[in-house]
Amino acid sequence: CQQGETKTVETRYFITSCKANAKVFAGAVRGHWGIENPLHWRLDVTMGDDTSRIKHDNGAGVLTTIRHICMNLFEREPSKLSMAKKKRKASWSDSFRANLIFS
């Protein structure tokens, strides 16, 4: 990276048992972030993770875990509704919420 007269070099280290060349390994790393980024986007946008004001002790971590559980339950539900619509429907309908949890 170069900014004006200053030139910097960044080095990243990875631990793996994979025997691959740099091109294959770089593709694997980018592929991992291709999976990781949509998860965080869904947590932020659909579940409101970034807007949470809970910062005390381990409350933020506990609520993030609960949000992950909810997302997994919504994904298991077979209807074609979006995650946001499933979330809304679960907040309105006791039977839909029970179906999410117990089926």
PDB file of N, CA and C in Angstrom:
ATOM      1  N   CYS A   1       0.857  -1.181   0.000  1.00  0.00           N
ATOM      2  CA  CYS A   1       0.000   0.000   0.000  1.00  0.00           C
ATOM      3  C   CYS A   1       0.897   1.236   0.000  1.00  0.00           C
ATOM      4  N   GLN A   2       0.560   2.239  -0.767  1.00  0.00           N
ATOM      5  CA  GLN A   2       1.358   3.442  -0.826  1.00  0.00           C
ATOM      6  C   GLN A   2       0.463   4.662  -0.674  1.00  0.00           C
ATOM      7  N   GLN A   3       0.848   5.519   0.271  1.00  0.00           N
ATOM      8  CA  GLN A   3       0.158   6.797   0.480  1.00  0.00           C
ATOM      9  C   GLN A   3       1.210   7.891   0.411  1.00  0.00           C
ATOM     10  N   GLY A   4       1.185   8.653  -0.662  1.00  0.00           N
ATOM     11  CA  GLY A   4       2.208   9.686  -0.857  1.00  0.00           C
ATOM     12  C   GLY A   4       3.575   9.047  -1.009  1.00  0.00           C
ATOM     13  N   GLU A   5       4.510   9.471  -0.169  1.00  0.00           N
ATOM     14  CA  GLU A   5       5.867   8.928  -0.206  1.00  0.00           C
ATOM     15  C   GLU A   5       6.010   7.683   0.665  1.00  0.00           C
ATOM     16  N   THR A   6       5.025   7.404   1.501  1.00  0.00           N
ATOM     17  CA  THR A   6       5.107   6.285   2.438  1.00  0.00           C
ATOM     18  C   THR A   6       4.583   5.013   1.802  1.00  0.00           C
ATOM     19  N   LYS A   7       5.404   3.978   1.865  1.00  0.00           N
ATOM     20  CA  LYS A   7       5.022   2.681   1.321  1.00  0.00           C
ATOM     21  C   LYS A   7       5.033   1.668   2.457  1.00  0.00           C
ATOM     22  N   THR A   8       3.927   0.914   2.593  1.00  0.00           N
ATOM     23  CA  THR A   8       3.852  -0.086   3.651  1.00  0.00           C
ATOM     24  C   THR A   8       3.584  -1.456   3.055  1.00  0.00           C
ATOM     25  N   VAL A   9       4.004  -2.468   3.775  1.00  0.00           N
ATOM     26  CA  VAL A   9       3.769  -3.848   3.388  1.00  0.00           C
ATOM     27  C   VAL A   9       3.092  -4.543   4.553  1.00  0.00           C
ATOM     28  N   GLU A  10       1.994  -5.241   4.276  1.00  0.00           N
ATOM     29  CA  GLU A  10       1.293  -5.990   5.310  1.00  0.00           C
ATOM     30  C   GLU A  10       1.543  -7.473   5.119  1.00  0.00           C
ATOM     31  N   THR A  11       1.771  -8.163   6.215  1.00  0.00           N
ATOM     32  CA  THR A  11       1.973  -9.605   6.176  1.00  0.00           C
ATOM     33  C   THR A  11       0.934 -10.251   7.064  1.00  0.00           C
ATOM     34  N   ARG A  12       0.278 -11.275   6.540  1.00  0.00           N
ATOM     35  CA  ARG A  12      -0.703 -12.031   7.315  1.00  0.00           C
ATOM     36  C   ARG A  12      -0.218 -13.461   7.431  1.00  0.00           C
ATOM     37  N   TYR A  13      -0.387 -14.006   8.608  1.00  0.00           N
ATOM     38  CA  TYR A  13       0.047 -15.367   8.861  1.00  0.00           C
ATOM     39  C   TYR A  13      -1.164 -16.256   9.099  1.00  0.00           C
ATOM     40  N   PHE A  14      -1.159 -17.453   8.519  1.00  0.00           N
ATOM     41  CA  PHE A  14      -2.228 -18.417   8.694  1.00  0.00           C
ATOM     42  C   PHE A  14      -1.611 -19.749   9.085  1.00  0.00           C
ATOM     43  N   ILE A  15      -2.296 -20.448   9.952  1.00  0.00           N
ATOM     44  CA  ILE A  15      -1.855 -21.780  10.337  1.00  0.00           C
ATOM     45  C   ILE A  15      -2.802 -22.780   9.682  1.00  0.00           C
ATOM     46  N   THR A  16      -2.234 -23.702   8.932  1.00  0.00           N
ATOM     47  CA  THR A  16      -3.056 -24.686   8.242  1.00  0.00           C
ATOM     48  C   THR A  16      -2.242 -25.946   7.973  1.00  0.00           C
ATOM     49  N   SER A  17      -2.935 -27.035   7.807  1.00  0.00           N
ATOM     50  CA  SER A  17      -2.272 -28.267   7.402  1.00  0.00           C
ATOM     51  C   SER A  17      -2.417 -28.482   5.899  1.00  0.00           C
ATOM     52  N   CYS A  18      -3.085 -27.544   5.245  1.00  0.00           N
ATOM     53  CA  CYS A  18      -3.329 -27.621   3.807  1.00  0.00           C
ATOM     54  C   CYS A  18      -2.030 -27.341   3.041  1.00  0.00           C
ATOM     55  N   LYS A  19      -1.716 -28.198   2.107  1.00  0.00           N
ATOM     56  CA  LYS A  19      -0.557 -27.983   1.246  1.00  0.00           C
ATOM     57  C   LYS A  19      -1.069 -27.419  -0.074  1.00  0.00           C
ATOM     58  N   ALA A  20      -1.057 -26.105  -0.183  1.00  0.00           N
ATOM     59  CA  ALA A  20      -1.586 -25.457  -1.377  1.00  0.00           C
ATOM     60  C   ALA A  20      -0.683 -24.296  -1.766  1.00  0.00           C
ATOM     61  N   ASN A  21      -0.728 -23.925  -3.029  1.00  0.00           N
ATOM     62  CA  ASN A  21       0.049 -22.757  -3.446  1.00  0.00           C
ATOM     63  C   ASN A  21      -0.695 -21.486  -3.043  1.00  0.00           C
ATOM     64  N   ALA A  22      -0.048 -20.366  -3.199  1.00  0.00           N
ATOM     65  CA  ALA A  22      -0.602 -19.090  -2.734  1.00  0.00           C
ATOM     66  C   ALA A  22      -1.926 -18.758  -3.417  1.00  0.00           C
ATOM     67  N   LYS A  23      -2.043 -19.046  -4.702  1.00  0.00           N
ATOM     68  CA  LYS A  23      -3.266 -18.713  -5.437  1.00  0.00           C
ATOM     69  C   LYS A  23      -4.468 -19.512  -4.907  1.00  0.00           C
ATOM     70  N   VAL A  24      -4.288 -20.816  -4.698  1.00  0.00           N
ATOM     71  CA  VAL A  24      -5.359 -21.668  -4.177  1.00  0.00           C
ATOM     72  C   VAL A  24      -5.716 -21.257  -2.756  1.00  0.00           C
ATOM     73  N   PHE A  25      -4.699 -20.994  -1.942  1.00  0.00           N
ATOM     74  CA  PHE A  25      -4.941 -20.609  -0.552  1.00  0.00           C
ATOM     75  C   PHE A  25      -5.668 -19.263  -0.475  1.00  0.00           C
ATOM     76  N   ALA A  26      -5.262 -18.298  -1.303  1.00  0.00           N
ATOM     77  CA  ALA A  26      -5.936 -16.992  -1.318  1.00  0.00           C
ATOM     78  C   ALA A  26      -7.403 -17.147  -1.702  1.00  0.00           C
ATOM     79  N   GLY A  27      -7.691 -18.029  -2.650  1.00  0.00           N
ATOM     80  CA  GLY A  27      -9.082 -18.284  -3.033  1.00  0.00           C
ATOM     81  C   GLY A  27      -9.885 -18.873  -1.885  1.00  0.00           C
ATOM     82  N   ALA A  28      -9.254 -19.764  -1.115  1.00  0.00           N
ATOM     83  CA  ALA A  28      -9.935 -20.352   0.041  1.00  0.00           C
ATOM     84  C   ALA A  28     -10.232 -19.308   1.105  1.00  0.00           C
ATOM     85  N   VAL A  29      -9.290 -18.406   1.353  1.00  0.00           N
ATOM     86  CA  VAL A  29      -9.497 -17.344   2.344  1.00  0.00           C
ATOM     87  C   VAL A  29     -10.619 -16.412   1.897  1.00  0.00           C
ATOM     88  N   ARG A  30     -10.600 -16.004   0.634  1.00  0.00           N
ATOM     89  CA  ARG A  30     -11.672 -15.136   0.123  1.00  0.00           C
ATOM     90  C   ARG A  30     -13.014 -15.854   0.159  1.00  0.00           C
ATOM     91  N   GLY A  31     -13.017 -17.148  -0.136  1.00  0.00           N
ATOM     92  CA  GLY A  31     -14.251 -17.916  -0.078  1.00  0.00           C
ATOM     93  C   GLY A  31     -14.823 -17.973   1.319  1.00  0.00           C
ATOM     94  N   HIS A  32     -13.944 -18.061   2.326  1.00  0.00           N
ATOM     95  CA  HIS A  32     -14.406 -18.060   3.722  1.00  0.00           C
ATOM     96  C   HIS A  32     -15.114 -16.752   4.041  1.00  0.00           C
ATOM     97  N   TRP A  33     -14.525 -15.631   3.617  1.00  0.00           N
ATOM     98  CA  TRP A  33     -15.158 -14.342   3.906  1.00  0.00           C
ATOM     99  C   TRP A  33     -16.431 -14.164   3.102  1.00  0.00           C
ATOM    100  N   GLY A  34     -16.549 -14.834   1.975  1.00  0.00           N
ATOM    101  CA  GLY A  34     -17.798 -14.803   1.211  1.00  0.00           C
ATOM    102  C   GLY A  34     -18.947 -15.429   1.981  1.00  0.00           C
ATOM    103  N   ILE A  35     -18.629 -16.370   2.861  1.00  0.00           N
ATOM    104  CA  ILE A  35     -19.636 -16.981   3.734  1.00  0.00           C
ATOM    105  C   ILE A  35     -19.832 -16.129   4.975  1.00  0.00           C
ATOM    106  N   GLU A  36     -18.752 -15.641   5.534  1.00  0.00           N
ATOM    107  CA  GLU A  36     -18.785 -14.913   6.800  1.00  0.00           C
ATOM    108  C   GLU A  36     -19.518 -13.572   6.687  1.00  0.00           C
ATOM    109  N   ASN A  37     -19.281 -12.820   5.624  1.00  0.00           N
ATOM    110  CA  ASN A  37     -19.875 -11.492   5.498  1.00  0.00           C
ATOM    111  C   ASN A  37     -21.398 -11.497   5.442  1.00  0.00           C
ATOM    112  N   PRO A  38     -22.062 -12.390   4.670  1.00  0.00           N
ATOM    113  CA  PRO A  38     -23.527 -12.402   4.686  1.00  0.00           C
ATOM    114  C   PRO A  38     -24.103 -12.726   6.075  1.00  0.00           C
ATOM    115  N   LEU A  39     -23.398 -13.578   6.837  1.00  0.00           N
ATOM    116  CA  LEU A  39     -23.865 -13.885   8.190  1.00  0.00           C
ATOM    117  C   LEU A  39     -23.897 -12.613   9.029  1.00  0.00           C
ATOM    118  N   HIS A  40     -22.818 -11.843   8.991  1.00  0.00           N
ATOM    119  CA  HIS A  40     -22.775 -10.615   9.782  1.00  0.00           C
ATOM    120  C   HIS A  40     -23.762  -9.583   9.268  1.00  0.00           C
ATOM    121  N   TRP A  41     -23.938  -9.534   7.954  1.00  0.00           N
ATOM    122  CA  TRP A  41     -24.915  -8.598   7.402  1.00  0.00           C
ATOM    123  C   TRP A  41     -26.308  -8.940   7.921  1.00  0.00           C
ATOM    124  N   ARG A  42     -26.644 -10.236   7.918  1.00  0.00           N
ATOM    125  CA  ARG A  42     -27.966 -10.644   8.399  1.00  0.00           C
ATOM    126  C   ARG A  42     -28.110 -10.373   9.887  1.00  0.00           C
ATOM    127  N   LEU A  43     -27.063 -10.591  10.653  1.00  0.00           N
ATOM    128  CA  LEU A  43     -27.131 -10.277  12.078  1.00  0.00           C
ATOM    129  C   LEU A  43     -27.354  -8.779  12.276  1.00  0.00           C
ATOM    130  N   ASP A  44     -26.662  -7.961  11.501  1.00  0.00           N
ATOM    131  CA  ASP A  44     -26.766  -6.512  11.656  1.00  0.00           C
ATOM    132  C   ASP A  44     -28.105  -5.980  11.172  1.00  0.00           C
ATOM    133  N   VAL A  45     -28.511  -6.373   9.967  1.00  0.00           N
ATOM    134  CA  VAL A  45     -29.704  -5.792   9.355  1.00  0.00           C
ATOM    135  C   VAL A  45     -30.986  -6.428   9.884  1.00  0.00           C
ATOM    136  N   THR A  46     -31.080  -7.740   9.833  1.00  0.00           N
ATOM    137  CA  THR A  46     -32.324  -8.417  10.202  1.00  0.00           C
ATOM    138  C   THR A  46     -32.506  -8.501  11.710  1.00  0.00           C
ATOM    139  N   MET A  47     -31.433  -8.809  12.421  1.00  0.00           N
ATOM    140  CA  MET A  47     -31.551  -9.033  13.854  1.00  0.00           C
ATOM    141  C   MET A  47     -31.170  -7.803  14.692  1.00  0.00           C
ATOM    142  N   GLY A  48     -30.678  -6.741  14.056  1.00  0.00           N
ATOM    143  CA  GLY A  48     -30.368  -5.502  14.769  1.00  0.00           C
ATOM    144  C   GLY A  48     -29.191  -5.606  15.726  1.00  0.00           C
ATOM    145  N   ASP A  49     -28.212  -6.433  15.396  1.00  0.00           N
ATOM    146  CA  ASP A  49     -27.088  -6.671  16.304  1.00  0.00           C
ATOM    147  C   ASP A  49     -26.276  -5.399  16.559  1.00  0.00           C
ATOM    148  N   ASP A  50     -26.020  -4.601  15.530  1.00  0.00           N
ATOM    149  CA  ASP A  50     -25.218  -3.393  15.705  1.00  0.00           C
ATOM    150  C   ASP A  50     -25.948  -2.290  16.453  1.00  0.00           C
ATOM    151  N   THR A  51     -27.271  -2.300  16.432  1.00  0.00           N
ATOM    152  CA  THR A  51     -28.024  -1.238  17.108  1.00  0.00           C
ATOM    153  C   THR A  51     -28.263  -1.541  18.584  1.00  0.00           C
ATOM    154  N   SER A  52     -27.848  -2.716  19.024  1.00  0.00           N
ATOM    155  CA  SER A  52     -28.032  -3.083  20.425  1.00  0.00           C
ATOM    156  C   SER A  52     -27.224  -2.146  21.318  1.00  0.00           C
ATOM    157  N   ARG A  53     -27.851  -1.671  22.363  1.00  0.00           N
ATOM    158  CA  ARG A  53     -27.180  -0.762  23.294  1.00  0.00           C
ATOM    159  C   ARG A  53     -26.655  -1.506  24.524  1.00  0.00           C
ATOM    160  N   ILE A  54     -26.782  -2.803  24.533  1.00  0.00           N
ATOM    161  CA  ILE A  54     -26.334  -3.601  25.672  1.00  0.00           C
ATOM    162  C   ILE A  54     -24.832  -3.814  25.557  1.00  0.00           C
ATOM    163  N   LYS A  55     -24.089  -3.270  26.492  1.00  0.00           N
ATOM    164  CA  LYS A  55     -22.632  -3.348  26.458  1.00  0.00           C
ATOM    165  C   LYS A  55     -22.057  -3.848  27.788  1.00  0.00           C
ATOM    166  N   HIS A  56     -22.879  -3.981  28.810  1.00  0.00           N
ATOM    167  CA  HIS A  56     -22.403  -4.294  30.156  1.00  0.00           C
ATOM    168  C   HIS A  56     -22.091  -5.780  30.304  1.00  0.00           C
ATOM    169  N   ASP A  57     -20.969  -6.080  30.924  1.00  0.00           N
ATOM    170  CA  ASP A  57     -20.523  -7.453  31.191  1.00  0.00           C
ATOM    171  C   ASP A  57     -20.597  -8.306  29.925  1.00  0.00           C
ATOM    172  N   ASN A  58     -21.215  -9.472  30.022  1.00  0.00           N
ATOM    173  CA  ASN A  58     -21.268 -10.370  28.868  1.00  0.00           C
ATOM    174  C   ASN A  58     -22.637 -10.363  28.201  1.00  0.00           C
ATOM    175  N   GLY A  59     -23.451  -9.358  28.483  1.00  0.00           N
ATOM    176  CA  GLY A  59     -24.797  -9.276  27.911  1.00  0.00           C
ATOM    177  C   GLY A  59     -24.815  -9.238  26.398  1.00  0.00           C
ATOM    178  N   ALA A  60     -23.880  -8.509  25.789  1.00  0.00           N
ATOM    179  CA  ALA A  60     -23.840  -8.415  24.325  1.00  0.00           C
ATOM    180  C   ALA A  60     -23.558  -9.787  23.714  1.00  0.00           C
ATOM    181  N   GLY A  61     -22.641 -10.521  24.301  1.00  0.00           N
ATOM    182  CA  GLY A  61     -22.319 -11.856  23.795  1.00  0.00           C
ATOM    183  C   GLY A  61     -23.478 -12.825  23.940  1.00  0.00           C
ATOM    184  N   VAL A  62     -24.184 -12.725  25.072  1.00  0.00           N
ATOM    185  CA  VAL A  62     -25.337 -13.600  25.302  1.00  0.00           C
ATOM    186  C   VAL A  62     -26.429 -13.304  24.280  1.00  0.00           C
ATOM    187  N   LEU A  63     -26.717 -12.024  24.049  1.00  0.00           N
ATOM    188  CA  LEU A  63     -27.753 -11.674  23.070  1.00  0.00           C
ATOM    189  C   LEU A  63     -27.353 -12.042  21.643  1.00  0.00           C
ATOM    190  N   THR A  64     -26.079 -11.927  21.313  1.00  0.00           N
ATOM    191  CA  THR A  64     -25.625 -12.356  19.988  1.00  0.00           C
ATOM    192  C   THR A  64     -25.837 -13.856  19.817  1.00  0.00           C
ATOM    193  N   THR A  65     -25.569 -14.629  20.864  1.00  0.00           N
ATOM    194  CA  THR A  65     -25.808 -16.074  20.812  1.00  0.00           C
ATOM    195  C   THR A  65     -27.289 -16.371  20.611  1.00  0.00           C
ATOM    196  N   ILE A  66     -28.146 -15.646  21.312  1.00  0.00           N
ATOM    197  CA  ILE A  66     -29.592 -15.829  21.150  1.00  0.00           C
ATOM    198  C   ILE A  66     -30.010 -15.478  19.720  1.00  0.00           C
ATOM    199  N   ARG A  67     -29.445 -14.410  19.164  1.00  0.00           N
ATOM    200  CA  ARG A  67     -29.760 -14.030  17.780  1.00  0.00           C
ATOM    201  C   ARG A  67     -29.323 -15.120  16.797  1.00  0.00           C
ATOM    202  N   HIS A  68     -28.159 -15.730  17.036  1.00  0.00           N
ATOM    203  CA  HIS A  68     -27.697 -16.838  16.184  1.00  0.00           C
ATOM    204  C   HIS A  68     -28.673 -18.006  16.256  1.00  0.00           C
ATOM    205  N   ILE A  69     -29.130 -18.331  17.450  1.00  0.00           N
ATOM    206  CA  ILE A  69     -30.090 -19.423  17.619  1.00  0.00           C
ATOM    207  C   ILE A  69     -31.371 -19.110  16.854  1.00  0.00           C
ATOM    208  N   CYS A  70     -31.856 -17.885  16.984  1.00  0.00           N
ATOM    209  CA  CYS A  70     -33.076 -17.482  16.273  1.00  0.00           C
ATOM    210  C   CYS A  70     -32.892 -17.572  14.765  1.00  0.00           C
ATOM    211  N   MET A  71     -31.741 -17.112  14.262  1.00  0.00           N
ATOM    212  CA  MET A  71     -31.493 -17.201  12.820  1.00  0.00           C
ATOM    213  C   MET A  71     -31.491 -18.656  12.366  1.00  0.00           C
ATOM    214  N   ASN A  72     -30.892 -19.541  13.154  1.00  0.00           N
ATOM    215  CA  ASN A  72     -30.888 -20.962  12.795  1.00  0.00           C
ATOM    216  C   ASN A  72     -32.301 -21.533  12.788  1.00  0.00           C
ATOM    217  N   LEU A  73     -33.127 -21.136  13.748  1.00  0.00           N
ATOM    218  CA  LEU A  73     -34.515 -21.598  13.778  1.00  0.00           C
ATOM    219  C   LEU A  73     -35.284 -21.077  12.568  1.00  0.00           C
ATOM    220  N   PHE A  74     -35.069 -19.813  12.207  1.00  0.00           N
ATOM    221  CA  PHE A  74     -35.740 -19.241  11.038  1.00  0.00           C
ATOM    222  C   PHE A  74     -35.301 -19.948   9.758  1.00  0.00           C
ATOM    223  N   GLU A  75     -34.018 -20.290   9.649  1.00  0.00           N
ATOM    224  CA  GLU A  75     -33.525 -20.971   8.455  1.00  0.00           C
ATOM    225  C   GLU A  75     -34.103 -22.385   8.324  1.00  0.00           C
ATOM    226  N   ARG A  76     -34.332 -23.048   9.453  1.00  0.00           N
ATOM    227  CA  ARG A  76     -34.899 -24.404   9.426  1.00  0.00           C
ATOM    228  C   ARG A  76     -36.358 -24.406   9.002  1.00  0.00           C
ATOM    229  N   GLU A  77     -37.062 -23.317   9.236  1.00  0.00           N
ATOM    230  CA  GLU A  77     -38.488 -23.232   8.908  1.00  0.00           C
ATOM    231  C   GLU A  77     -38.618 -23.264   7.396  1.00  0.00           C
ATOM    232  N   PRO A  78     -39.447 -24.190   6.853  1.00  0.00           N
ATOM    233  CA  PRO A  78     -39.426 -24.454   5.409  1.00  0.00           C
ATOM    234  C   PRO A  78     -40.140 -23.442   4.509  1.00  0.00           C
ATOM    235  N   SER A  79     -40.889 -22.494   5.041  1.00  0.00           N
ATOM    236  CA  SER A  79     -41.609 -21.569   4.161  1.00  0.00           C
ATOM    237  C   SER A  79     -40.634 -20.690   3.392  1.00  0.00           C
ATOM    238  N   LYS A  80     -41.118 -20.056   2.349  1.00  0.00           N
ATOM    239  CA  LYS A  80     -40.291 -19.205   1.492  1.00  0.00           C
ATOM    240  C   LYS A  80     -40.266 -17.752   1.970  1.00  0.00           C
ATOM    241  N   LEU A  81     -40.764 -17.493   3.180  1.00  0.00           N
ATOM    242  CA  LEU A  81     -40.744 -16.138   3.713  1.00  0.00           C
ATOM    243  C   LEU A  81     -39.309 -15.682   3.960  1.00  0.00           C
ATOM    244  N   SER A  82     -39.092 -14.377   3.870  1.00  0.00           N
ATOM    245  CA  SER A  82     -37.766 -13.839   4.185  1.00  0.00           C
ATOM    246  C   SER A  82     -37.525 -13.954   5.690  1.00  0.00           C
ATOM    247  N   MET A  83     -36.279 -13.810   6.085  1.00  0.00           N
ATOM    248  CA  MET A  83     -35.941 -13.887   7.502  1.00  0.00           C
ATOM    249  C   MET A  83     -36.673 -12.790   8.289  1.00  0.00           C
ATOM    250  N   ALA A  84     -36.748 -11.590   7.727  1.00  0.00           N
ATOM    251  CA  ALA A  84     -37.441 -10.489   8.409  1.00  0.00           C
ATOM    252  C   ALA A  84     -38.929 -10.809   8.598  1.00  0.00           C
ATOM    253  N   LYS A  85     -39.552 -11.409   7.589  1.00  0.00           N
ATOM    254  CA  LYS A  85     -40.975 -11.755   7.696  1.00  0.00           C
ATOM    255  C   LYS A  85     -41.195 -12.886   8.693  1.00  0.00           C
ATOM    256  N   LYS A  86     -40.283 -13.851   8.727  1.00  0.00           N
ATOM    257  CA  LYS A  86     -40.389 -14.922   9.718  1.00  0.00           C
ATOM    258  C   LYS A  86     -40.241 -14.361  11.127  1.00  0.00           C
ATOM    259  N   LYS A  87     -39.326 -13.426  11.287  1.00  0.00           N
ATOM    260  CA  LYS A  87     -39.125 -12.786  12.598  1.00  0.00           C
ATOM    261  C   LYS A  87     -40.400 -12.060  13.032  1.00  0.00           C
ATOM    262  N   ARG A  88     -40.977 -11.315  12.116  1.00  0.00           N
ATOM    263  CA  ARG A  88     -42.210 -10.573  12.416  1.00  0.00           C
ATOM    264  C   ARG A  88     -43.352 -11.535  12.731  1.00  0.00           C
ATOM    265  N   LYS A  89     -43.490 -12.589  11.925  1.00  0.00           N
ATOM    266  CA  LYS A  89     -44.566 -13.555  12.130  1.00  0.00           C
ATOM    267  C   LYS A  89     -44.398 -14.264  13.477  1.00  0.00           C
ATOM    268  N   ALA A  90     -43.163 -14.572  13.857  1.00  0.00           N
ATOM    269  CA  ALA A  90     -42.909 -15.218  15.150  1.00  0.00           C
ATOM    270  C   ALA A  90     -43.279 -14.293  16.308  1.00  0.00           C
ATOM    271  N   SER A  91     -43.139 -12.989  16.119  1.00  0.00           N
ATOM    272  CA  SER A  91     -43.506 -12.066  17.193  1.00  0.00           C
ATOM    273  C   SER A  91     -45.019 -11.927  17.334  1.00  0.00           C
ATOM    274  N   TRP A  92     -45.776 -12.214  16.270  1.00  0.00           N
ATOM    275  CA  TRP A  92     -47.235 -12.070  16.291  1.00  0.00           C
ATOM    276  C   TRP A  92     -47.974 -13.358  16.612  1.00  0.00           C
ATOM    277  N   SER A  93     -47.409 -14.486  16.219  1.00  0.00           N
ATOM    278  CA  SER A  93     -48.162 -15.739  16.262  1.00  0.00           C
ATOM    279  C   SER A  93     -47.538 -16.734  17.235  1.00  0.00           C
ATOM    280  N   ASP A  94     -48.295 -17.065  18.279  1.00  0.00           N
ATOM    281  CA  ASP A  94     -47.814 -18.058  19.243  1.00  0.00           C
ATOM    282  C   ASP A  94     -47.618 -19.417  18.580  1.00  0.00           C
ATOM    283  N   SER A  95     -48.523 -19.796  17.685  1.00  0.00           N
ATOM    284  CA  SER A  95     -48.417 -21.114  17.054  1.00  0.00           C
ATOM    285  C   SER A  95     -47.214 -21.190  16.108  1.00  0.00           C
ATOM    286  N   PHE A  96     -46.935 -20.105  15.363  1.00  0.00           N
ATOM    287  CA  PHE A  96     -45.764 -20.088  14.481  1.00  0.00           C
ATOM    288  C   PHE A  96     -44.485 -20.166  15.308  1.00  0.00           C
ATOM    289  N   ARG A  97     -44.440 -19.413  16.395  1.00  0.00           N
ATOM    290  CA  ARG A  97     -43.275 -19.414  17.280  1.00  0.00           C
ATOM    291  C   ARG A  97     -43.066 -20.797  17.892  1.00  0.00           C
ATOM    292  N   ALA A  98     -44.145 -21.441  18.333  1.00  0.00           N
ATOM    293  CA  ALA A  98     -44.040 -22.786  18.898  1.00  0.00           C
ATOM    294  C   ALA A  98     -43.570 -23.773  17.838  1.00  0.00           C
ATOM    295  N   ASN A  99     -44.077 -23.614  16.617  1.00  0.00           N
ATOM    296  CA  ASN A  99     -43.650 -24.482  15.519  1.00  0.00           C
ATOM    297  C   ASN A  99     -42.162 -24.319  15.244  1.00  0.00           C
ATOM    298  N   LEU A 100     -41.656 -23.076  15.291  1.00  0.00           N
ATOM    299  CA  LEU A 100     -40.223 -22.825  15.088  1.00  0.00           C
ATOM    300  C   LEU A 100     -39.384 -23.554  16.140  1.00  0.00           C
ATOM    301  N   ILE A 101     -39.810 -23.461  17.373  1.00  0.00           N
ATOM    302  CA  ILE A 101     -39.004 -23.969  18.488  1.00  0.00           C
ATOM    303  C   ILE A 101     -39.085 -25.471  18.624  1.00  0.00           C
ATOM    304  N   PHE A 102     -40.287 -26.034  18.481  1.00  0.00           N
ATOM    305  CA  PHE A 102     -40.500 -27.432  18.840  1.00  0.00           C
ATOM    306  C   PHE A 102     -40.534 -28.410  17.659  1.00  0.00           C
ATOM    307  N   SER A 103     -40.446 -27.916  16.427  1.00  0.00           N
ATOM    308  CA  SER A 103     -40.464 -28.879  15.321  1.00  0.00           C
ATOM    309  C   SER A 103     -39.087 -29.111  14.769  1.00  0.00           C
TER     310      SER A 103
END
